[in-house]
Amino acid sequence: MTRRSGPAGGREHALGADGAGGVGADGAGGAGADGAAGDGAAAGLSAGRVGRPHGLDGSFYVTRPRARLLHAGTVVTVGALSAAIVRRAGTDARPIVRVQGVEDRDAALALRGSELRVSGEQAPALGEDEWWAHELEGCTVADGELVLGRVSRLLELPSCEALEVQPAGGGEPLLVPMVKDAVRAVAPQRQRIEVDLDFLGLPVGAQAPAARPPGRRRRGANGEGS
């Protein structure tokens, strides 16, 4: 899940109160729960990957977790198994879960590295101007009439999240930090993201190097350092 952060780019990736160009609070990283980006909604949302086993009862750590999607009772798909989470422990950063049908350490070990997916219908509602990454993937990135390219994926950088943009004219991908100075408006329903090329230091009509993420570090909306 991503939100556009303030001018310096906080770790919480919060979109400012202006809400410019945002979409409603339906979903975050592929299509939202309303199916804004159809294929992502059909495939579900990634909740992380199965990490190393924890204990002997089939529990395991989740790597690259989306804690909002990992709750007891939530049905997840992992490999050929689709079953409910029956245990949720650990922290949001290092969650431990056990899935019904995974009854021992060997079964958990066999799933290690597999992706956990949750249907869009089970995803919690996000705040206004928050998006799942898949809602942004495929969006056209432009500054007015000038099209920069299309979003290929969302990257998590040390200071903020960034859009990886494949240039319309080809060449190396560009990075656009998800901060208000760089991103003017986000409209997944129109598959369009408006950016400020001057702030990004990208010359009009030129193949420029990847935009650098903001160098300053401030506290995000959750009060954590970025």
Protein backbone atom coordinates (compact mmCIF):
# COMPACT_ATOMS: atom_id res chain seq x y z
CA MET A 1 0.00 0.00 0.00
CA THR A 2 1.25 3.47 -0.80
CA ARG A 3 0.28 7.01 -0.06
CA ARG A 4 1.88 10.12 -1.46
CA SER A 5 4.05 11.75 1.20
CA GLY A 6 4.78 15.35 2.06
CA PRO A 7 7.47 17.48 0.43
CA ALA A 8 10.41 15.61 1.94
CA GLY A 9 8.99 12.13 1.64
CA GLY A 10 8.12 10.48 4.94
CA ARG A 11 8.26 6.72 5.43
CA GLU A 12 4.50 6.59 5.89
CA HIS A 13 4.09 7.73 2.27
CA ALA A 14 1.15 9.90 3.25
CA LEU A 15 -0.76 11.82 0.65
CA GLY A 16 -1.28 15.37 1.78
CA ALA A 17 -4.63 16.73 2.83
CA ASP A 18 -5.11 18.35 -0.58
CA GLY A 19 -6.13 14.95 -1.98
CA ALA A 20 -5.42 16.14 -5.54
CA GLY A 21 -6.23 13.59 -8.20
CA GLY A 22 -6.75 10.78 -5.73
CA VAL A 23 -9.02 7.80 -5.90
CA GLY A 24 -11.48 6.73 -3.25
CA ALA A 25 -10.63 4.47 -0.34
CA ASP A 26 -11.14 1.08 -1.87
CA GLY A 27 -7.91 -0.81 -2.05
CA ALA A 28 -3.71 -0.76 -2.22
CA GLY A 29 -0.53 -2.15 -5.02
CA GLY A 30 -2.63 -3.86 -7.94
CA ALA A 31 -6.26 -3.28 -8.38
CA GLY A 32 -8.24 -2.24 -5.38
CA ALA A 33 -11.19 -4.04 -3.97
CA ASP A 34 -13.40 -2.34 -6.50
CA GLY A 35 -11.42 -3.85 -9.37
CA ALA A 36 -9.97 -0.56 -10.59
CA ALA A 37 -7.21 -2.45 -12.31
CA GLY A 38 -9.05 -5.58 -13.24
CA ASP A 39 -6.25 -8.15 -13.58
CA GLY A 40 -4.82 -7.30 -10.17
CA ALA A 41 -8.22 -7.68 -8.50
CA ALA A 42 -8.82 -11.04 -10.13
CA ALA A 43 -5.44 -12.37 -9.01
CA GLY A 44 -5.79 -10.94 -5.50
CA LEU A 45 -3.35 -8.95 -3.43
CA SER A 46 0.05 -10.13 -2.34
CA ALA A 47 0.22 -10.36 1.46
CA GLY A 48 3.86 -11.45 1.53
CA ARG A 49 5.83 -14.67 1.17
CA VAL A 50 6.26 -17.72 3.36
CA GLY A 51 9.44 -17.41 5.37
CA ARG A 52 11.15 -19.83 7.72
CA PRO A 53 9.06 -22.06 9.99
CA HIS A 54 8.35 -20.99 13.56
CA GLY A 55 7.95 -23.81 16.03
CA LEU A 56 6.56 -27.24 15.24
CA ASP A 57 2.86 -26.55 14.62
CA GLY A 58 3.11 -25.32 11.01
CA SER A 59 3.46 -21.64 11.85
CA PHE A 60 5.85 -19.55 9.76
CA TYR A 61 7.22 -16.05 9.43
CA VAL A 62 5.97 -13.90 6.57
CA THR A 63 8.57 -11.98 4.59
CA ARG A 64 7.80 -8.75 2.72
CA PRO A 65 4.50 -8.66 4.66
CA ARG A 66 1.45 -6.48 4.16
CA ALA A 67 0.29 -6.60 7.74
CA ARG A 68 -3.14 -5.14 6.93
CA LEU A 69 -3.95 -8.28 4.98
CA LEU A 70 -2.79 -10.80 7.58
CA HIS A 71 -5.52 -11.35 10.15
CA ALA A 72 -6.92 -14.47 11.77
CA GLY A 73 -9.85 -15.67 9.70
CA THR A 74 -8.61 -14.19 6.42
CA VAL A 75 -8.56 -16.77 3.63
CA VAL A 76 -5.20 -16.84 1.85
CA THR A 77 -4.02 -18.72 -1.19
CA VAL A 78 -0.54 -20.19 -1.00
CA GLY A 79 0.58 -22.68 -3.61
CA ALA A 80 -2.33 -25.01 -4.29
CA LEU A 81 -3.83 -24.38 -0.86
CA SER A 82 -6.60 -21.90 -0.13
CA ALA A 83 -7.39 -21.74 3.58
CA ALA A 84 -7.96 -19.43 6.54
CA ILE A 85 -5.29 -18.00 8.79
CA VAL A 86 -5.84 -19.68 12.17
CA ARG A 87 -3.01 -18.00 14.05
CA ARG A 88 -1.54 -14.50 13.84
CA ALA A 89 1.36 -13.57 16.11
CA GLY A 90 4.63 -11.67 15.95
CA THR A 91 4.75 -8.03 14.88
CA ASP A 92 3.55 -6.16 11.81
CA ALA A 93 7.16 -6.03 10.61
CA ARG A 94 7.75 -9.75 11.30
CA PRO A 95 4.36 -11.46 11.42
CA ILE A 96 3.98 -15.13 12.27
CA VAL A 97 0.97 -16.96 10.86
CA ARG A 98 -0.41 -20.47 10.69
CA VAL A 99 -2.74 -21.48 7.89
CA GLN A 100 -5.36 -24.19 8.25
CA GLY A 101 -4.07 -27.39 6.68
CA VAL A 102 -0.40 -26.62 7.35
CA GLU A 103 -0.04 -28.75 10.44
CA ASP A 104 3.69 -29.21 11.08
CA ARG A 105 7.13 -27.78 10.50
CA ASP A 106 7.79 -29.89 7.41
CA ALA A 107 4.58 -28.66 5.76
CA ALA A 108 5.54 -25.05 6.48
CA LEU A 109 9.05 -25.65 5.16
CA ALA A 110 7.63 -27.06 1.91
CA LEU A 111 5.82 -23.77 1.32
CA ARG A 112 8.84 -21.55 2.01
CA GLY A 113 9.21 -18.86 -0.63
CA SER A 114 5.61 -19.21 -1.85
CA GLU A 115 3.50 -16.09 -2.19
CA LEU A 116 0.49 -15.50 0.05
CA ARG A 117 -2.43 -13.90 -1.78
CA VAL A 118 -5.67 -12.44 -0.46
CA SER A 119 -8.75 -11.67 -2.55
CA GLY A 120 -9.58 -8.02 -3.11
CA GLU A 121 -12.95 -8.52 -1.43
CA GLN A 122 -11.17 -9.27 1.87
CA ALA A 123 -8.84 -6.28 1.69
CA PRO A 124 -9.51 -3.61 4.32
CA ALA A 125 -10.74 -0.21 3.20
CA LEU A 126 -7.91 2.29 2.83
CA GLY A 127 -7.98 5.95 3.73
CA GLU A 128 -8.73 8.59 1.17
CA ASP A 129 -5.95 8.92 -1.41
CA GLU A 130 -4.30 5.61 -0.57
CA TRP A 131 -3.60 2.99 -3.21
CA TRP A 132 -2.48 -0.58 -3.52
CA ALA A 133 0.62 -0.86 -5.67
CA HIS A 134 -1.19 -2.74 -8.41
CA GLU A 135 -3.57 0.20 -8.88
CA LEU A 136 -0.59 2.30 -9.96
CA GLU A 137 1.12 -0.29 -12.15
CA GLY A 138 0.38 0.38 -15.81
CA CYS A 139 -0.64 4.01 -15.23
CA THR A 140 0.57 6.61 -17.72
CA VAL A 141 2.95 9.11 -16.12
CA ALA A 142 2.80 12.57 -17.63
CA ASP A 143 3.42 16.26 -17.10
CA GLY A 144 0.53 17.88 -18.92
CA GLU A 145 0.81 16.98 -22.61
CA LEU A 146 4.23 15.37 -22.19
CA VAL A 147 4.06 11.62 -21.53
CA LEU A 148 7.01 10.31 -19.58
CA GLY A 149 6.09 6.62 -19.73
CA ARG A 150 4.19 3.94 -17.81
CA VAL A 151 4.57 2.63 -14.28
CA SER A 152 6.13 -0.83 -14.31
CA ARG A 153 6.20 -1.35 -10.53
CA LEU A 154 6.39 0.29 -7.13
CA LEU A 155 9.71 0.22 -5.29
CA GLU A 156 10.38 0.71 -1.60
CA LEU A 157 13.41 2.97 -1.10
CA PRO A 158 15.05 3.87 2.22
CA SER A 159 13.37 7.29 2.40
CA CYS A 160 10.13 6.76 0.47
CA GLU A 161 8.39 4.64 -2.11
CA ALA A 162 9.01 5.35 -5.79
CA LEU A 163 7.38 4.57 -9.09
CA GLU A 164 9.58 2.77 -11.58
CA VAL A 165 8.62 4.24 -14.94
CA GLN A 166 9.43 2.67 -18.29
CA PRO A 167 10.08 5.64 -20.64
CA ALA A 168 7.74 5.99 -23.60
CA GLY A 169 10.73 6.28 -25.93
CA GLY A 170 12.56 3.30 -24.46
CA GLY A 171 15.75 3.28 -22.46
CA GLU A 172 16.54 2.79 -18.80
CA PRO A 173 13.67 2.99 -16.28
CA LEU A 174 13.18 6.22 -14.36
CA LEU A 175 12.36 6.55 -10.66
CA VAL A 176 9.69 8.97 -9.50
CA PRO A 177 9.48 9.37 -5.69
CA MET A 178 5.96 9.29 -4.27
CA VAL A 179 6.15 12.74 -2.70
CA LYS A 180 3.87 15.74 -3.24
CA ASP A 181 6.57 17.86 -4.87
CA ALA A 182 7.12 15.21 -7.53
CA VAL A 183 3.61 13.76 -7.92
CA ARG A 184 0.86 16.31 -8.51
CA ALA A 185 -2.10 13.97 -8.93
CA VAL A 186 -2.88 10.25 -8.92
CA ALA A 187 -5.96 8.98 -10.73
CA PRO A 188 -5.93 5.17 -11.01
CA GLN A 189 -9.47 5.18 -12.35
CA ARG A 190 -8.12 7.07 -15.37
CA GLN A 191 -4.81 5.17 -15.34
CA ARG A 192 -2.93 8.46 -15.13
CA ILE A 193 -0.39 10.05 -12.79
CA GLU A 194 0.62 13.70 -13.15
CA VAL A 195 4.18 14.62 -12.17
CA ASP A 196 6.38 17.71 -12.07
CA LEU A 197 9.31 17.21 -14.43
CA ASP A 198 11.01 20.40 -13.21
CA PHE A 199 11.13 19.09 -9.65
CA LEU A 200 12.35 15.71 -10.87
CA GLY A 201 15.10 17.37 -12.93
CA LEU A 202 14.01 15.59 -16.08
CA PRO A 203 14.53 17.76 -19.19
CA VAL A 204 11.54 17.94 -21.51
CA GLY A 205 12.02 15.55 -24.41
CA ALA A 206 15.32 14.18 -23.11
CA GLN A 207 16.26 10.72 -21.88
CA ALA A 208 17.30 11.63 -18.38
CA PRO A 209 18.82 9.49 -15.64
CA ALA A 210 16.58 8.17 -12.91
CA ALA A 211 15.23 10.85 -10.63
CA ARG A 212 16.81 10.70 -7.21
CA PRO A 213 14.54 10.24 -4.20
CA PRO A 214 14.42 13.14 -1.72
CA GLY A 215 17.59 13.46 0.33
CA ARG A 216 15.99 14.92 3.45
CA ARG A 217 14.54 12.59 6.03
CA ARG A 218 11.55 13.53 8.15
CA ARG A 219 9.09 11.76 10.33
CA GLY A 220 6.22 10.12 8.53
CA ALA A 221 2.57 10.46 9.49
CA ASN A 222 2.92 7.59 11.95
CA GLY A 223 5.69 9.41 13.78
CA GLU A 224 8.39 6.97 12.67
CA GLY A 225 11.62 8.26 11.27
CA SER A 226 12.09 7.94 7.52
